Amino acid sequence: MAQVEIKNDGKVVEVPDGSVLAVLDGKCSILFACKSGSCASCKVRVVEGMENLEPPNEVEKMGLETFATDPSERLMCVAKIKSGKIVVEY
């Protein structure tokens, strides 16, 4: 099981390895509106563990480009965790 620590909530949520992080919807205070990478409501900054995420797919790349993010930011609705732990804040 992979782990996602949400600094704003002060909690760690376990998710299956290989999960799209939309599985966090309802388990934390990150907002998930569109769940398709087009609104950026779920944009977070990855504080630790970027290497434990798959590289952004084409959908996420377009969403990140649209919302002028920096390299440490990801869209949780389409980001996929390989395994291990990531720490995020929003």
N, C-alpha and C. Protein backbone atom coordinates (compact mmCIF):
# COMPACT_ATOMS: atom_id res chain seq x y z
N MET A 1 0.84 -1.19 0.00
CA MET A 1 0.00 0.00 0.00
C MET A 1 0.89 1.25 0.00
N ALA A 2 0.47 2.21 -0.80
CA ALA A 2 1.14 3.50 -0.84
C ALA A 2 0.51 4.40 0.21
N GLN A 3 1.21 5.48 0.54
CA GLN A 3 0.70 6.42 1.54
C GLN A 3 0.76 7.84 0.98
N VAL A 4 -0.30 8.60 1.28
CA VAL A 4 -0.34 10.01 0.92
C VAL A 4 -0.56 10.79 2.22
N GLU A 5 0.42 11.62 2.55
CA GLU A 5 0.28 12.49 3.73
C GLU A 5 -0.20 13.84 3.24
N ILE A 6 -1.33 14.30 3.78
CA ILE A 6 -1.87 15.61 3.44
C ILE A 6 -1.56 16.53 4.61
N LYS A 7 -0.55 17.39 4.42
CA LYS A 7 -0.06 18.24 5.52
C LYS A 7 -1.17 19.11 6.08
N ASN A 8 -2.05 19.64 5.23
CA ASN A 8 -3.11 20.53 5.69
C ASN A 8 -4.07 19.82 6.64
N ASP A 9 -4.27 18.52 6.43
CA ASP A 9 -5.18 17.75 7.27
C ASP A 9 -4.48 17.11 8.46
N GLY A 10 -3.14 17.01 8.38
CA GLY A 10 -2.40 16.32 9.43
C GLY A 10 -2.71 14.84 9.46
N LYS A 11 -2.97 14.24 8.28
CA LYS A 11 -3.29 12.82 8.27
C LYS A 11 -2.61 12.12 7.11
N VAL A 12 -2.49 10.81 7.25
CA VAL A 12 -1.92 9.95 6.21
C VAL A 12 -3.02 9.00 5.75
N VAL A 13 -3.20 8.90 4.44
CA VAL A 13 -4.21 8.02 3.86
C VAL A 13 -3.49 6.94 3.06
N GLU A 14 -3.84 5.69 3.30
CA GLU A 14 -3.27 4.60 2.52
C GLU A 14 -4.12 4.35 1.29
N VAL A 15 -3.44 4.14 0.16
CA VAL A 15 -4.11 3.85 -1.11
C VAL A 15 -3.38 2.68 -1.77
N PRO A 16 -4.05 1.92 -2.59
CA PRO A 16 -3.37 0.81 -3.27
C PRO A 16 -2.26 1.32 -4.18
N ASP A 17 -1.15 0.59 -4.25
CA ASP A 17 -0.08 0.92 -5.20
C ASP A 17 -0.69 1.01 -6.59
N GLY A 18 -0.24 1.97 -7.38
CA GLY A 18 -0.73 2.13 -8.75
C GLY A 18 -2.04 2.88 -8.87
N SER A 19 -2.55 3.42 -7.77
CA SER A 19 -3.84 4.12 -7.79
C SER A 19 -3.75 5.50 -8.43
N VAL A 20 -4.81 5.86 -9.13
CA VAL A 20 -5.01 7.26 -9.50
C VAL A 20 -5.47 7.93 -8.21
N LEU A 21 -4.91 9.08 -7.88
CA LEU A 21 -5.13 9.67 -6.56
C LEU A 21 -6.50 10.30 -6.38
N ALA A 22 -7.39 10.17 -7.37
CA ALA A 22 -8.79 10.55 -7.17
C ALA A 22 -9.44 9.68 -6.10
N VAL A 23 -8.80 8.54 -5.76
CA VAL A 23 -9.33 7.69 -4.69
C VAL A 23 -9.32 8.42 -3.35
N LEU A 24 -8.63 9.56 -3.27
CA LEU A 24 -8.61 10.34 -2.03
C LEU A 24 -9.90 11.13 -1.83
N ASP A 25 -10.72 11.25 -2.86
CA ASP A 25 -11.96 12.02 -2.77
C ASP A 25 -12.80 11.49 -1.61
N GLY A 26 -13.15 12.38 -0.70
CA GLY A 26 -13.94 12.02 0.46
C GLY A 26 -13.13 11.52 1.64
N LYS A 27 -11.83 11.28 1.44
CA LYS A 27 -10.97 10.79 2.52
C LYS A 27 -10.06 11.89 3.07
N CYS A 28 -10.14 13.09 2.47
CA CYS A 28 -9.31 14.21 2.90
C CYS A 28 -10.02 15.50 2.49
N SER A 29 -9.42 16.63 2.80
CA SER A 29 -10.07 17.91 2.49
C SER A 29 -9.66 18.49 1.14
N ILE A 30 -8.88 17.75 0.33
CA ILE A 30 -8.57 18.20 -1.02
C ILE A 30 -9.87 18.19 -1.82
N LEU A 31 -10.13 19.26 -2.56
CA LEU A 31 -11.34 19.33 -3.36
C LEU A 31 -11.15 18.60 -4.68
N PHE A 32 -12.12 17.82 -5.06
CA PHE A 32 -12.13 17.12 -6.34
C PHE A 32 -13.42 17.51 -7.05
N ALA A 33 -13.36 18.47 -7.96
CA ALA A 33 -14.57 18.93 -8.64
C ALA A 33 -14.80 18.15 -9.94
N CYS A 34 -13.98 18.38 -10.95
CA CYS A 34 -14.23 17.77 -12.27
C CYS A 34 -13.74 16.33 -12.38
N LYS A 35 -12.70 15.98 -11.67
CA LYS A 35 -12.05 14.67 -11.71
C LYS A 35 -11.56 14.30 -13.10
N SER A 36 -11.28 15.32 -13.92
CA SER A 36 -10.79 15.04 -15.27
C SER A 36 -9.57 15.88 -15.64
N GLY A 37 -8.98 16.56 -14.66
CA GLY A 37 -7.77 17.34 -14.90
C GLY A 37 -8.00 18.68 -15.57
N SER A 38 -9.23 19.16 -15.57
CA SER A 38 -9.50 20.41 -16.29
C SER A 38 -9.85 21.61 -15.41
N CYS A 39 -10.01 21.43 -14.11
CA CYS A 39 -10.39 22.58 -13.27
C CYS A 39 -9.33 22.99 -12.25
N ALA A 40 -8.42 22.12 -11.92
CA ALA A 40 -7.33 22.36 -10.96
C ALA A 40 -7.80 22.55 -9.53
N SER A 41 -9.01 22.13 -9.20
CA SER A 41 -9.44 22.22 -7.80
C SER A 41 -8.61 21.30 -6.91
N CYS A 42 -8.02 20.26 -7.48
CA CYS A 42 -7.25 19.29 -6.72
C CYS A 42 -5.74 19.51 -6.85
N LYS A 43 -5.34 20.68 -7.30
CA LYS A 43 -3.91 20.97 -7.48
C LYS A 43 -3.23 21.05 -6.11
N VAL A 44 -2.14 20.31 -5.97
CA VAL A 44 -1.37 20.31 -4.73
C VAL A 44 0.11 20.49 -5.05
N ARG A 45 0.86 20.86 -4.03
CA ARG A 45 2.31 20.90 -4.14
C ARG A 45 2.85 19.64 -3.49
N VAL A 46 3.69 18.92 -4.22
CA VAL A 46 4.30 17.70 -3.68
C VAL A 46 5.55 18.12 -2.91
N VAL A 47 5.51 17.94 -1.60
CA VAL A 47 6.59 18.35 -0.71
C VAL A 47 7.69 17.28 -0.68
N GLU A 48 7.27 16.02 -0.68
CA GLU A 48 8.21 14.88 -0.68
C GLU A 48 7.63 13.76 -1.53
N GLY A 49 8.52 12.99 -2.13
CA GLY A 49 8.11 11.77 -2.79
C GLY A 49 7.69 11.89 -4.25
N MET A 50 8.08 12.97 -4.92
CA MET A 50 7.72 13.12 -6.34
C MET A 50 8.14 11.89 -7.15
N GLU A 51 9.25 11.27 -6.75
CA GLU A 51 9.73 10.08 -7.46
C GLU A 51 8.78 8.89 -7.33
N ASN A 52 7.85 8.96 -6.39
CA ASN A 52 6.88 7.88 -6.19
C ASN A 52 5.61 8.07 -7.03
N LEU A 53 5.57 9.14 -7.81
CA LEU A 53 4.44 9.37 -8.72
C LEU A 53 4.85 9.06 -10.15
N GLU A 54 3.91 8.55 -10.92
CA GLU A 54 4.14 8.37 -12.36
C GLU A 54 4.30 9.77 -12.97
N PRO A 55 5.03 9.90 -14.06
CA PRO A 55 5.09 11.20 -14.74
C PRO A 55 3.68 11.61 -15.18
N PRO A 56 3.41 12.92 -15.29
CA PRO A 56 2.08 13.36 -15.73
C PRO A 56 1.73 12.78 -17.10
N ASN A 57 0.48 12.30 -17.23
CA ASN A 57 0.02 11.85 -18.54
C ASN A 57 -0.39 13.08 -19.37
N GLU A 58 -0.84 12.88 -20.58
CA GLU A 58 -1.16 14.02 -21.46
C GLU A 58 -2.27 14.90 -20.88
N VAL A 59 -3.28 14.29 -20.27
CA VAL A 59 -4.38 15.05 -19.68
C VAL A 59 -3.86 15.95 -18.56
N GLU A 60 -3.04 15.38 -17.68
CA GLU A 60 -2.50 16.16 -16.58
C GLU A 60 -1.56 17.25 -17.08
N LYS A 61 -0.73 16.93 -18.08
CA LYS A 61 0.16 17.94 -18.64
C LYS A 61 -0.62 19.15 -19.14
N MET A 62 -1.71 18.90 -19.86
CA MET A 62 -2.52 20.02 -20.37
C MET A 62 -3.12 20.83 -19.24
N GLY A 63 -3.61 20.15 -18.20
CA GLY A 63 -4.17 20.86 -17.05
C GLY A 63 -3.12 21.68 -16.32
N LEU A 64 -1.93 21.11 -16.15
CA LEU A 64 -0.86 21.84 -15.47
C LEU A 64 -0.41 23.05 -16.30
N GLU A 65 -0.33 22.89 -17.61
CA GLU A 65 0.05 24.02 -18.47
C GLU A 65 -1.00 25.13 -18.42
N THR A 66 -2.26 24.76 -18.40
CA THR A 66 -3.35 25.74 -18.37
C THR A 66 -3.32 26.58 -17.10
N PHE A 67 -2.98 25.95 -15.98
CA PHE A 67 -3.02 26.66 -14.70
C PHE A 67 -1.66 27.16 -14.24
N ALA A 68 -0.69 27.24 -15.16
CA ALA A 68 0.63 27.85 -14.91
C ALA A 68 1.23 27.41 -13.59
N THR A 69 1.37 26.13 -13.43
CA THR A 69 1.91 25.59 -12.19
C THR A 69 3.43 25.50 -12.24
N ASP A 70 4.02 25.30 -11.07
CA ASP A 70 5.46 25.06 -11.03
C ASP A 70 5.71 23.55 -11.00
N PRO A 71 6.93 23.11 -11.20
CA PRO A 71 7.22 21.67 -11.33
C PRO A 71 6.86 20.81 -10.11
N SER A 72 6.67 21.41 -8.95
CA SER A 72 6.34 20.62 -7.78
C SER A 72 4.83 20.40 -7.63
N GLU A 73 4.03 20.95 -8.52
CA GLU A 73 2.58 20.83 -8.41
C GLU A 73 2.04 19.72 -9.30
N ARG A 74 1.00 19.06 -8.79
CA ARG A 74 0.34 17.98 -9.53
C ARG A 74 -1.17 18.08 -9.33
N LEU A 75 -1.90 17.46 -10.22
CA LEU A 75 -3.36 17.37 -10.13
C LEU A 75 -3.71 15.99 -9.59
N MET A 76 -4.25 15.95 -8.37
CA MET A 76 -4.48 14.68 -7.70
C MET A 76 -5.55 13.82 -8.38
N CYS A 77 -6.46 14.42 -9.14
CA CYS A 77 -7.52 13.62 -9.75
C CYS A 77 -7.00 12.73 -10.87
N VAL A 78 -5.86 13.06 -11.45
CA VAL A 78 -5.32 12.24 -12.55
C VAL A 78 -3.91 11.74 -12.28
N ALA A 79 -3.26 12.23 -11.23
CA ALA A 79 -1.92 11.75 -10.87
C ALA A 79 -2.02 10.31 -10.36
N LYS A 80 -1.00 9.54 -10.68
CA LYS A 80 -0.98 8.12 -10.30
C LYS A 80 0.25 7.86 -9.44
N ILE A 81 0.03 7.21 -8.29
CA ILE A 81 1.13 6.88 -7.40
C ILE A 81 1.65 5.49 -7.74
N LYS A 82 2.97 5.35 -7.81
CA LYS A 82 3.57 4.04 -8.08
C LYS A 82 3.49 3.20 -6.81
N SER A 83 4.16 3.67 -5.78
CA SER A 83 4.20 3.01 -4.47
C SER A 83 4.93 3.97 -3.54
N GLY A 84 5.10 3.58 -2.30
CA GLY A 84 5.83 4.43 -1.37
C GLY A 84 4.95 5.51 -0.77
N LYS A 85 5.58 6.62 -0.44
CA LYS A 85 4.87 7.71 0.25
C LYS A 85 5.11 9.03 -0.46
N ILE A 86 4.06 9.83 -0.52
CA ILE A 86 4.21 11.21 -0.96
C ILE A 86 3.62 12.12 0.12
N VAL A 87 4.12 13.33 0.21
CA VAL A 87 3.62 14.32 1.13
C VAL A 87 3.19 15.50 0.28
N VAL A 88 1.92 15.94 0.47
CA VAL A 88 1.38 17.04 -0.31
C VAL A 88 0.79 18.10 0.60
N GLU A 89 0.71 19.32 0.04
CA GLU A 89 -0.01 20.41 0.71
C GLU A 89 -0.67 21.25 -0.37
N TYR A 90 -1.72 21.94 0.02
CA TYR A 90 -2.43 22.78 -0.94
C TYR A 90 -2.66 24.16 -0.40
